[in-house]
Structure formats: C-alpha cells, structure tokens
N, C-alpha and C. Protein backbone atom coordinates (compact mmCIF):
# COMPACT_ATOMS: atom_id res chain seq x y z
N MET A 1 -0.91 -21.00 2.97
CA MET A 1 0.60 -20.82 3.31
C MET A 1 0.60 -19.87 4.38
N ALA A 2 1.35 -19.81 5.30
CA ALA A 2 1.49 -18.77 6.35
C ALA A 2 2.22 -17.74 5.95
N ASN A 3 2.08 -16.57 6.73
CA ASN A 3 2.52 -15.19 6.36
C ASN A 3 4.24 -15.37 6.31
N LYS A 4 4.77 -16.16 7.17
CA LYS A 4 6.27 -16.17 7.43
C LYS A 4 6.65 -16.83 6.13
N GLU A 5 6.10 -17.99 5.62
CA GLU A 5 6.51 -18.54 4.53
C GLU A 5 6.48 -17.65 3.28
N LYS A 6 5.49 -16.66 3.22
CA LYS A 6 5.40 -15.83 2.08
C LYS A 6 6.51 -14.77 2.06
N VAL A 7 6.95 -14.48 3.18
CA VAL A 7 8.04 -13.52 3.34
C VAL A 7 9.39 -14.10 3.06
N LEU A 8 9.62 -15.41 3.31
CA LEU A 8 10.74 -16.18 3.13
C LEU A 8 10.85 -16.53 1.53
N ALA A 9 9.67 -16.69 0.96
CA ALA A 9 9.75 -16.88 -0.63
C ALA A 9 10.22 -15.67 -1.15
N ALA A 10 9.68 -14.50 -0.72
CA ALA A 10 10.19 -13.33 -1.32
C ALA A 10 11.65 -12.93 -1.00
N ASP A 11 12.12 -13.16 0.13
CA ASP A 11 13.37 -12.84 0.49
C ASP A 11 14.36 -13.88 -0.20
N LYS A 12 14.02 -15.05 -0.40
CA LYS A 12 14.76 -15.99 -1.21
C LYS A 12 14.82 -15.44 -2.65
N ALA A 13 13.94 -15.00 -3.23
CA ALA A 13 13.93 -14.38 -4.66
C ALA A 13 14.82 -13.26 -4.69
N LEU A 14 14.79 -12.33 -3.70
CA LEU A 14 15.61 -11.19 -3.64
C LEU A 14 17.12 -11.56 -3.57
N GLY A 15 17.29 -12.58 -2.63
CA GLY A 15 18.63 -12.98 -2.41
C GLY A 15 19.17 -13.59 -3.72
N GLU A 16 18.36 -14.34 -4.55
CA GLU A 16 18.83 -14.81 -5.87
C GLU A 16 19.25 -13.82 -6.85
N THR A 17 18.34 -12.65 -6.81
CA THR A 17 18.75 -11.44 -7.59
C THR A 17 20.06 -10.89 -7.21
N VAL A 18 20.30 -10.54 -6.00
CA VAL A 18 21.32 -9.88 -5.57
C VAL A 18 22.60 -10.75 -5.63
N ASN A 19 22.46 -12.17 -5.52
CA ASN A 19 23.62 -13.09 -5.76
C ASN A 19 23.98 -12.98 -7.28
N THR A 20 23.07 -12.96 -8.05
CA THR A 20 23.45 -12.99 -9.44
C THR A 20 24.20 -11.67 -9.76
N LEU A 21 23.61 -10.62 -9.27
CA LEU A 21 24.37 -9.36 -9.43
C LEU A 21 25.70 -9.22 -9.00
N ILE A 22 25.89 -9.84 -7.75
CA ILE A 22 27.16 -10.06 -7.26
C ILE A 22 28.22 -10.54 -8.40
N PHE A 23 27.61 -11.74 -8.89
CA PHE A 23 28.43 -12.47 -9.99
C PHE A 23 28.69 -11.73 -11.19
N ARG A 24 27.67 -11.09 -11.62
CA ARG A 24 27.75 -10.22 -12.92
C ARG A 24 28.50 -9.18 -12.85
N THR A 25 28.51 -8.44 -11.67
CA THR A 25 29.29 -7.31 -11.55
C THR A 25 30.67 -7.64 -10.88
N ARG A 26 31.06 -8.88 -10.82
CA ARG A 26 32.44 -9.31 -10.25
C ARG A 26 32.62 -8.49 -8.91
N SER A 27 31.59 -8.41 -7.99
CA SER A 27 31.69 -8.04 -6.79
C SER A 27 31.87 -9.14 -5.75
N THR A 28 31.94 -9.01 -4.47
CA THR A 28 32.10 -10.29 -3.64
C THR A 28 30.98 -10.02 -2.51
N ARG A 29 30.70 -11.16 -2.00
CA ARG A 29 29.76 -11.10 -0.83
C ARG A 29 30.13 -10.26 0.27
N ARG A 30 31.53 -10.37 0.46
CA ARG A 30 32.19 -9.68 1.57
C ARG A 30 32.03 -8.22 1.26
N GLU A 31 32.26 -7.62 0.14
CA GLU A 31 31.92 -6.24 -0.09
C GLU A 31 30.59 -5.85 0.26
N LEU A 32 29.62 -6.67 -0.19
CA LEU A 32 28.26 -6.31 0.17
C LEU A 32 28.03 -6.32 1.52
N ALA A 33 28.58 -7.22 2.32
CA ALA A 33 28.34 -7.47 3.70
C ALA A 33 28.89 -6.24 4.41
N GLU A 34 29.96 -5.74 4.02
CA GLU A 34 30.65 -4.56 4.60
C GLU A 34 29.70 -3.32 4.35
N LYS A 35 29.11 -3.16 3.24
CA LYS A 35 28.05 -2.10 2.84
C LYS A 35 27.03 -2.25 3.75
N LEU A 36 26.34 -3.40 4.11
CA LEU A 36 25.22 -3.51 4.94
C LEU A 36 25.58 -3.79 6.40
N ASN A 37 26.93 -3.71 6.75
CA ASN A 37 27.34 -3.76 8.12
C ASN A 37 26.87 -4.95 8.72
N VAL A 38 27.08 -6.14 8.06
CA VAL A 38 26.95 -7.48 8.60
C VAL A 38 28.11 -8.34 8.19
N VAL A 39 28.25 -9.33 9.13
CA VAL A 39 29.39 -10.31 8.84
C VAL A 39 29.13 -11.29 7.56
N PRO A 40 30.09 -11.67 6.96
CA PRO A 40 29.88 -12.47 5.70
C PRO A 40 28.89 -13.55 5.98
N PRO A 41 28.90 -14.44 6.97
CA PRO A 41 28.07 -15.49 7.11
C PRO A 41 26.59 -15.13 7.23
N VAL A 42 26.30 -13.90 7.77
CA VAL A 42 25.02 -13.31 7.79
C VAL A 42 24.67 -13.01 6.17
N MET A 43 25.59 -12.36 5.60
CA MET A 43 25.19 -12.03 4.23
C MET A 43 24.87 -13.21 3.32
N GLY A 44 25.52 -14.46 3.60
CA GLY A 44 25.24 -15.52 2.99
C GLY A 44 23.82 -16.09 3.31
N ARG A 45 23.42 -16.09 4.43
CA ARG A 45 22.24 -16.36 4.92
C ARG A 45 21.05 -15.59 4.08
N LYS A 46 21.31 -14.17 4.17
CA LYS A 46 20.38 -13.39 3.40
C LYS A 46 20.13 -13.73 1.95
N LEU A 47 21.42 -14.08 1.30
CA LEU A 47 21.29 -14.41 -0.08
C LEU A 47 20.61 -15.85 -0.23
N ARG A 48 20.66 -16.53 0.69
CA ARG A 48 19.86 -17.81 0.54
C ARG A 48 18.44 -17.80 1.06
N GLY A 49 18.14 -16.67 1.57
CA GLY A 49 16.66 -16.37 1.98
C GLY A 49 16.50 -16.83 3.27
N GLU A 50 17.41 -17.27 3.99
CA GLU A 50 17.14 -17.66 5.49
C GLU A 50 16.98 -16.66 6.47
N ILE A 51 17.46 -15.45 6.11
CA ILE A 51 17.36 -14.24 6.92
C ILE A 51 16.56 -13.18 6.02
N GLY A 52 15.67 -12.63 6.65
CA GLY A 52 14.99 -11.62 5.80
C GLY A 52 15.77 -10.31 5.70
N TRP A 53 15.29 -9.54 4.55
CA TRP A 53 16.07 -8.34 4.14
C TRP A 53 15.28 -7.29 4.65
N SER A 54 15.86 -6.15 5.35
CA SER A 54 15.08 -5.12 5.87
C SER A 54 15.10 -4.05 4.59
N LEU A 55 14.31 -3.03 4.90
CA LEU A 55 14.11 -1.97 3.87
C LEU A 55 15.56 -1.24 3.70
N GLN A 56 16.24 -1.14 4.99
CA GLN A 56 17.53 -0.37 4.87
C GLN A 56 18.45 -1.32 4.02
N ASP A 57 18.35 -2.57 4.08
CA ASP A 57 19.36 -3.56 3.36
C ASP A 57 18.98 -3.35 1.98
N LEU A 58 17.68 -3.24 1.61
CA LEU A 58 17.28 -3.04 0.20
C LEU A 58 18.02 -1.85 -0.44
N TYR A 59 17.85 -0.63 0.36
CA TYR A 59 18.38 0.66 -0.04
C TYR A 59 19.93 0.54 -0.23
N LEU A 60 20.65 -0.06 0.78
CA LEU A 60 22.04 -0.15 0.64
C LEU A 60 22.54 -0.98 -0.47
N THR A 61 21.65 -1.99 -0.68
CA THR A 61 22.10 -2.86 -1.66
C THR A 61 22.03 -2.34 -3.10
N ALA A 62 20.87 -1.56 -3.24
CA ALA A 62 20.50 -0.90 -4.46
C ALA A 62 21.69 0.17 -4.75
N ALA A 63 22.14 1.01 -3.56
CA ALA A 63 23.17 1.93 -3.78
C ALA A 63 24.51 1.24 -4.22
N PHE A 64 24.70 0.03 -3.53
CA PHE A 64 26.03 -0.63 -3.94
C PHE A 64 26.05 -0.99 -5.30
N PHE A 65 24.91 -1.39 -5.85
CA PHE A 65 24.93 -1.64 -7.37
C PHE A 65 24.62 -0.51 -8.30
N ASN A 66 24.29 0.72 -7.55
CA ASN A 66 23.99 1.88 -8.30
C ASN A 66 22.55 1.75 -9.10
N LEU A 67 21.64 0.99 -8.39
CA LEU A 67 20.21 0.91 -8.93
C LEU A 67 19.22 1.54 -8.12
N ASN A 68 18.00 1.48 -8.73
CA ASN A 68 16.87 1.86 -8.18
C ASN A 68 16.32 0.67 -7.22
N PRO A 69 16.12 1.07 -5.95
CA PRO A 69 15.75 -0.23 -4.97
C PRO A 69 14.53 -1.04 -5.45
N GLY A 70 13.60 -0.39 -6.05
CA GLY A 70 12.56 -1.04 -6.79
C GLY A 70 12.84 -2.04 -7.69
N SER A 71 13.99 -1.78 -8.48
CA SER A 71 14.27 -2.72 -9.59
C SER A 71 14.82 -4.01 -8.93
N LEU A 72 15.16 -4.11 -7.60
CA LEU A 72 15.67 -5.40 -7.08
C LEU A 72 14.53 -6.35 -6.47
N LEU A 73 13.28 -5.82 -6.47
CA LEU A 73 12.20 -6.37 -5.85
C LEU A 73 11.72 -7.60 -6.68
N PRO A 74 11.34 -8.80 -5.98
CA PRO A 74 10.96 -9.83 -6.83
C PRO A 74 9.59 -9.70 -7.20
N VAL A 75 9.23 -10.40 -8.15
CA VAL A 75 7.88 -10.29 -8.79
C VAL A 75 6.92 -11.49 -8.42
N ALA A 76 5.66 -11.26 -8.01
CA ALA A 76 4.79 -12.22 -7.58
C ALA A 76 4.40 -13.07 -8.85
N THR A 77 4.39 -14.41 -8.74
CA THR A 77 3.91 -14.97 -9.91
C THR A 77 2.59 -15.84 -9.65
N ASP A 78 1.97 -15.32 -8.49
CA ASP A 78 0.49 -15.87 -8.30
C ASP A 78 -0.43 -14.87 -7.75
N ASP A 79 -1.57 -15.13 -7.61
CA ASP A 79 -2.59 -14.13 -7.13
C ASP A 79 -2.45 -14.05 -5.60
N ASP A 80 -2.11 -15.06 -4.99
CA ASP A 80 -2.10 -15.09 -3.61
C ASP A 80 -0.84 -14.47 -3.10
N MET A 81 0.20 -14.05 -3.98
CA MET A 81 1.59 -13.55 -3.74
C MET A 81 2.27 -14.44 -2.69
N THR A 82 2.38 -15.69 -3.03
CA THR A 82 3.05 -16.60 -2.12
C THR A 82 4.29 -17.10 -2.96
N GLN A 83 4.36 -16.98 -4.23
CA GLN A 83 5.47 -17.52 -4.97
C GLN A 83 6.05 -16.18 -5.70
N TYR A 84 7.40 -16.24 -5.75
CA TYR A 84 8.09 -14.87 -6.34
C TYR A 84 9.17 -15.47 -7.33
N GLN A 85 9.33 -14.65 -8.38
CA GLN A 85 10.33 -14.81 -9.44
C GLN A 85 11.33 -13.69 -9.07
N PRO A 86 12.66 -13.91 -9.20
CA PRO A 86 13.69 -12.81 -9.06
C PRO A 86 13.48 -11.97 -10.05
N ALA A 87 13.82 -10.66 -9.80
CA ALA A 87 13.76 -9.53 -10.73
C ALA A 87 15.05 -9.59 -11.55
N LEU A 88 15.28 -10.51 -12.48
CA LEU A 88 16.56 -10.63 -12.99
C LEU A 88 16.38 -10.16 -14.66
N ASP A 89 15.37 -10.29 -15.27
CA ASP A 89 15.41 -10.14 -16.69
C ASP A 89 15.94 -8.69 -17.09
N ALA A 90 15.44 -7.67 -16.73
CA ALA A 90 15.77 -6.41 -17.04
C ALA A 90 17.19 -6.00 -16.35
N LEU A 91 17.28 -6.42 -15.24
CA LEU A 91 18.57 -6.13 -14.59
C LEU A 91 19.81 -6.80 -15.25
N LEU A 92 19.60 -7.94 -15.49
CA LEU A 92 20.85 -8.71 -16.27
C LEU A 92 21.05 -8.25 -17.74
N ALA A 93 20.03 -7.83 -18.23
CA ALA A 93 20.20 -7.22 -19.63
C ALA A 93 21.12 -5.93 -19.65
N SER A 94 21.04 -5.29 -18.44
CA SER A 94 21.69 -4.02 -18.36
C SER A 94 23.07 -4.06 -17.83
N ILE A 95 23.48 -5.31 -17.35
CA ILE A 95 24.81 -5.54 -16.75
C ILE A 95 25.67 -6.35 -17.62
N PRO A 96 26.97 -5.82 -17.92
CA PRO A 96 27.90 -6.62 -18.85
C PRO A 96 27.97 -7.99 -18.58
N SER A 97 28.01 -8.86 -19.22
CA SER A 97 28.08 -10.26 -19.02
C SER A 97 29.78 -10.56 -18.85
N PRO A 98 30.13 -11.32 -17.75
CA PRO A 98 31.64 -11.43 -17.56
C PRO A 98 32.24 -12.12 -18.85
N SER A 99 31.58 -12.95 -19.60
CA SER A 99 32.03 -13.53 -20.73
C SER A 99 32.40 -12.57 -21.85
N THR A 100 31.33 -11.61 -22.05
CA THR A 100 31.46 -10.76 -23.33
C THR A 100 31.85 -9.40 -22.95
N GLY A 101 31.50 -8.93 -21.77
CA GLY A 101 31.88 -7.58 -21.44
C GLY A 101 30.78 -6.63 -21.92
N LYS A 102 29.82 -7.13 -22.52
CA LYS A 102 28.67 -6.32 -23.09
C LYS A 102 27.34 -6.58 -22.61
N ALA A 103 26.61 -5.42 -22.28
CA ALA A 103 25.21 -5.61 -21.84
C ALA A 103 24.40 -5.86 -23.17
N SER A 104 23.21 -6.51 -23.02
CA SER A 104 22.39 -6.95 -24.06
C SER A 104 21.36 -5.88 -24.25
N GLN A 105 21.26 -5.01 -23.26
CA GLN A 105 20.28 -3.69 -23.60
C GLN A 105 20.60 -2.60 -22.63
N LYS A 106 20.11 -1.47 -22.97
CA LYS A 106 20.51 -0.28 -22.13
C LYS A 106 19.21 -0.21 -21.22
N TYR A 107 19.66 0.12 -20.05
CA TYR A 107 18.70 -0.11 -18.82
C TYR A 107 19.12 0.99 -17.89
N THR A 108 18.08 1.72 -17.43
CA THR A 108 18.08 2.64 -16.38
C THR A 108 17.18 2.15 -15.27
N ALA A 109 17.78 2.14 -14.12
CA ALA A 109 16.88 1.55 -13.06
C ALA A 109 15.55 2.22 -12.90
N GLY A 110 14.41 1.43 -12.90
CA GLY A 110 13.15 1.83 -12.97
C GLY A 110 12.55 1.76 -14.25
N ASP A 111 13.30 1.48 -15.39
CA ASP A 111 12.74 1.56 -16.84
C ASP A 111 12.05 0.14 -16.93
N LEU A 112 10.81 0.24 -17.37
CA LEU A 112 10.30 -1.05 -17.57
C LEU A 112 10.35 -1.42 -19.10
N ASN A 113 10.89 -0.68 -19.88
CA ASN A 113 10.94 -0.95 -21.36
C ASN A 113 12.34 -0.58 -21.87
N PRO A 114 13.31 -1.52 -21.37
CA PRO A 114 14.70 -1.32 -22.04
C PRO A 114 14.83 -1.32 -23.47
N GLU A 115 15.77 -0.52 -23.98
CA GLU A 115 15.97 -0.49 -25.47
C GLU A 115 17.23 -1.35 -25.75
N PRO A 116 17.27 -1.94 -26.90
CA PRO A 116 18.39 -2.85 -27.37
C PRO A 116 19.74 -1.92 -27.24
N ALA A 117 20.82 -2.46 -26.75
CA ALA A 117 22.11 -1.76 -26.78
C ALA A 117 22.42 -1.44 -28.21
N ASP A 118 23.34 -0.35 -28.12
CA ASP A 118 23.95 0.14 -29.47
C ASP A 118 24.98 -0.72 -30.04
C-alpha cells in the first residue's frame, strides 16, 4: 500500500471519530468548521477522509471538544500501520449519550483506564 493510502486511512478514521463526537455532543459541522477556519464543505471532506487533517486541525478539534489531542488519534489495527480503527471506545464512554444524557464511564482525556460512572 502506498504512503498516501496509509495517510488517507488514518484521516478517514480520525474523521469518523470527530463526526461521532459532533453527533454525541450535539455540536454542528459548521461550528467545528468555524473553529478550524474552513468552510463547511471542506469540513465535510475532512470528516470523510478526503482531505488530510493537519496537526493544527487536531489541536483545534481537541480544544473544541475539550479533549487531549492524543485521545482523538486513530489506533493502527495491523503491524504495517495501513489500517486504522477510530479512537471511539474510551471517548464515547465519557460523553453523555443523546438518548440517556449519561456517560457510561468517567474519562479524562489521556486516561487509558476509565472508571465506571457513579
């Protein structure tokens, strides 16, 4: 697999994570686009993995959601680092569900071992 495909796979996984966070926090793509100083169509392309995420995008996105930037990074699922899984498990456990309004775990950004919520 070419390097460009590896990057796009990672960008797509990051986009999926961010898109899910937008939904779970009841934010909008437009609000995040404003934070990243891009127009909404560009934000949509980033979320679909069609346009790469810069380091600045990562930091601004993390600040938008009040998270550690590292907590947004996708996880490689193979030794060649060509396939990535969105970093959703710990993040989603820490964000209240739109249907219940409750998080399933306490989570602070960067915490690898979240505790069950009280």
